[in-house]
Protein backbone atom coordinates (compact mmCIF):
# COMPACT_ATOMS: atom_id res chain seq x y z
CA MET A 1 13.05 10.86 -33.05
CA TRP A 2 9.89 8.72 -33.29
CA ASP A 3 11.90 5.58 -32.70
CA SER A 4 13.33 7.10 -29.53
CA LEU A 5 9.87 8.05 -28.32
CA ALA A 6 8.48 4.61 -29.15
CA GLY A 7 11.39 3.06 -27.26
CA GLU A 8 10.32 4.90 -24.12
CA PHE A 9 7.10 2.90 -24.10
CA THR A 10 8.38 -0.45 -25.32
CA ASN A 11 11.71 -0.77 -23.52
CA GLY A 12 11.92 -1.46 -19.85
CA PHE A 13 10.34 -4.20 -17.81
CA SER A 14 13.71 -5.89 -17.56
CA ALA A 15 13.10 -7.22 -14.04
CA VAL A 16 9.33 -7.71 -14.05
CA PRO A 17 7.45 -8.39 -17.32
CA TRP A 18 4.65 -5.92 -18.00
CA TYR A 19 1.87 -8.48 -17.60
CA ILE A 20 3.25 -9.55 -14.20
CA ALA A 21 3.58 -5.90 -13.16
CA LEU A 22 -0.02 -5.29 -14.23
CA THR A 23 -1.20 -8.35 -12.30
CA ARG A 24 0.64 -7.20 -9.18
CA LEU A 25 -0.79 -3.68 -9.44
CA ILE A 26 -4.32 -4.98 -9.91
CA PHE A 27 -3.97 -7.42 -7.01
CA ALA A 28 -2.65 -4.62 -4.77
CA ALA A 29 -5.66 -2.51 -5.79
CA VAL A 30 -8.05 -5.35 -4.95
CA LEU A 31 -6.47 -5.98 -1.55
CA GLY A 32 -6.39 -2.25 -0.78
CA ALA A 33 -10.06 -2.09 -1.79
CA VAL A 34 -10.96 -4.86 0.65
CA ILE A 35 -9.50 -2.90 3.56
CA GLY A 36 -10.79 0.42 2.22
CA TYR A 37 -14.30 -0.96 1.85
CA GLU A 38 -14.36 -1.94 5.52
CA ARG A 39 -13.22 1.57 6.53
CA GLU A 40 -15.68 3.17 4.10
CA ALA A 41 -18.56 1.07 5.50
CA LYS A 42 -17.74 2.41 8.97
CA GLY A 43 -17.81 6.00 7.68
CA LYS A 44 -14.11 6.66 8.24
CA PRO A 45 -12.42 9.57 6.45
CA ALA A 46 -9.94 7.38 4.56
CA GLY A 47 -11.90 4.73 2.76
CA LEU A 48 -11.98 2.81 -0.47
CA ARG A 49 -10.15 5.17 -2.81
CA THR A 50 -7.46 6.14 -0.32
CA HIS A 51 -6.59 2.55 0.57
CA ILE A 52 -6.52 1.53 -3.10
CA LEU A 53 -4.21 4.43 -3.94
CA VAL A 54 -1.87 3.66 -1.04
CA ALA A 55 -1.64 -0.04 -1.94
CA VAL A 56 -1.12 0.62 -5.67
CA ALA A 57 1.48 3.32 -4.99
CA ALA A 58 3.44 1.05 -2.68
CA CYS A 59 3.24 -1.77 -5.23
CA LEU A 60 4.46 0.57 -7.94
CA PHE A 61 7.40 1.70 -5.78
CA SER A 62 8.31 -1.92 -5.23
CA ILE A 63 8.21 -2.73 -8.95
CA VAL A 64 10.14 0.43 -9.84
CA GLY A 65 12.77 -0.55 -7.27
CA GLN A 66 13.15 -3.92 -8.95
CA GLU A 67 13.42 -2.26 -12.35
CA LEU A 68 16.01 0.24 -11.08
CA SER A 69 18.13 -2.62 -9.80
CA GLN A 70 18.48 -3.82 -13.42
CA LEU A 71 19.80 -0.50 -14.78
CA GLN A 72 23.42 -0.41 -15.91
CA PHE A 73 25.69 1.89 -13.97
CA ASP A 74 29.32 2.87 -14.57
CA SER A 75 30.56 -0.03 -12.50
CA ASP A 76 29.21 -2.52 -10.04
CA ASP A 77 30.91 -0.55 -7.25
CA VAL A 78 28.59 2.39 -7.91
CA LYS A 79 25.44 0.28 -7.99
CA ARG A 80 23.77 0.21 -4.60
CA VAL A 81 20.36 -1.38 -4.48
CA ASP A 82 18.90 -1.33 -1.00
CA PRO A 83 15.31 -2.58 -0.73
CA LEU A 84 15.14 -1.34 2.86
CA ARG A 85 15.41 2.26 1.64
CA LEU A 86 12.42 1.67 -0.60
CA ILE A 87 10.43 0.23 2.29
CA GLU A 88 11.43 3.17 4.51
CA ALA A 89 10.34 5.67 1.86
CA VAL A 90 6.92 4.07 1.45
CA THR A 91 6.50 3.71 5.20
CA SER A 92 7.33 7.33 5.96
CA GLY A 93 5.19 8.60 3.08
CA VAL A 94 2.13 6.69 4.23
CA ALA A 95 2.84 7.64 7.85
CA PHE A 96 2.76 11.29 6.76
CA LEU A 97 -0.69 10.76 5.22
CA ALA A 98 -1.93 8.89 8.27
CA ALA A 99 -0.64 11.58 10.63
CA GLY A 100 -2.49 14.22 8.65
CA LEU A 101 -5.63 12.17 8.98
CA ILE A 102 -5.20 11.92 12.74
CA PHE A 103 -4.24 15.56 13.36
CA THR A 104 -7.21 16.94 11.46
CA SER A 105 -9.72 15.40 13.84
CA GLY A 106 -10.76 18.53 15.69
CA GLY A 107 -8.46 18.30 18.69
CA LYS A 108 -9.50 14.76 19.59
CA VAL A 109 -7.38 11.71 18.98
CA ARG A 110 -9.35 9.91 16.32
CA ASN A 111 -8.78 7.88 13.18
CA ILE A 112 -5.71 6.10 14.51
CA THR A 113 -7.07 2.75 13.33
CA THR A 114 -7.76 4.16 9.88
CA GLY A 115 -4.24 5.62 9.79
CA ALA A 116 -2.84 2.22 10.75
CA SER A 117 -4.92 0.53 8.06
CA MET A 118 -3.49 2.95 5.48
CA TRP A 119 0.01 2.11 6.69
CA LEU A 120 -0.79 -1.56 6.38
CA ALA A 121 -2.23 -1.07 2.89
CA GLY A 122 1.19 0.32 1.97
CA ALA A 123 2.88 -2.80 3.33
CA ILE A 124 0.44 -4.99 1.43
CA GLY A 125 1.19 -3.05 -1.74
CA LEU A 126 4.92 -3.57 -1.19
CA ALA A 127 4.32 -7.29 -0.75
CA CYS A 128 2.33 -7.46 -3.99
CA GLY A 129 4.98 -5.47 -5.85
CA ALA A 130 7.66 -7.83 -4.59
CA GLY A 131 5.74 -10.79 -5.96
CA GLU A 132 4.50 -11.94 -2.56
CA ALA A 133 0.79 -11.91 -3.40
CA MET A 134 -0.07 -14.68 -0.95
CA LEU A 135 1.61 -12.77 1.88
CA GLY A 136 -0.42 -9.69 0.93
CA LEU A 137 -3.62 -11.74 0.83
CA MET A 138 -2.95 -13.30 4.24
CA ALA A 139 -2.28 -9.87 5.77
CA THR A 140 -5.44 -8.47 4.18
CA LEU A 141 -7.56 -11.27 5.59
CA ILE A 142 -6.09 -10.79 9.06
CA VAL A 143 -6.64 -7.02 8.90
CA VAL A 144 -10.26 -7.28 7.77
CA ILE A 145 -11.00 -9.86 10.46
CA VAL A 146 -9.37 -7.67 13.12
CA LEU A 147 -11.13 -4.51 11.95
CA HIS A 148 -14.52 -6.16 11.62
CA VAL A 149 -14.58 -8.55 14.60
CA LEU A 150 -12.90 -6.20 17.06
CA GLY A 151 -15.03 -3.37 15.71
CA LEU A 152 -18.14 -5.39 16.58
CA THR A 153 -16.69 -6.16 20.03
CA GLU A 154 -15.96 -2.47 20.69
CA THR A 155 -19.46 -1.49 19.54
CA ALA A 156 -21.04 -4.12 21.80
CA SER A 157 -18.97 -3.05 24.82
CA SER A 158 -19.72 0.64 24.28
CA ASN A 159 -23.43 -0.18 24.06
CA ASP A 160 -23.19 -2.11 27.34
CA THR A 161 -21.56 0.82 29.16
CA ALA A 162 -24.06 3.32 27.72
CA GLU A 163 -27.02 1.43 29.18
């Protein structure tokens, strides 16, 4: 019995070694934190923790998908590994969270940008989980630049019209 239980924690990681999986999860958390920090600094409802959780969850789904593809089935005919289904599941799950964020804004359309940043944090997490850390980093840099620079532009233009 104890050997079986111990095997649950030591077996696995047939597609992605544990230290690589850990590195990918941590990197997804860091990139999610970068986006979340920007949202948090602007006082948005979904900030640091939410973006980290979305990115790590998406990364985990990606790694689990890779691990599932290594499981033995009855025959190769039964085995159907479709990474697009994984991406669709993450996308719709994050979209559900983002929609809830938007709909709970007191009758006004608000928080769309924060919802989009959560959706993007999910995509960045998927990239990290798939081993595409540089792609995730590039997307994160673009997002932070867009959020920050365009946020400054919008603030400046709204100040100009208020005067």
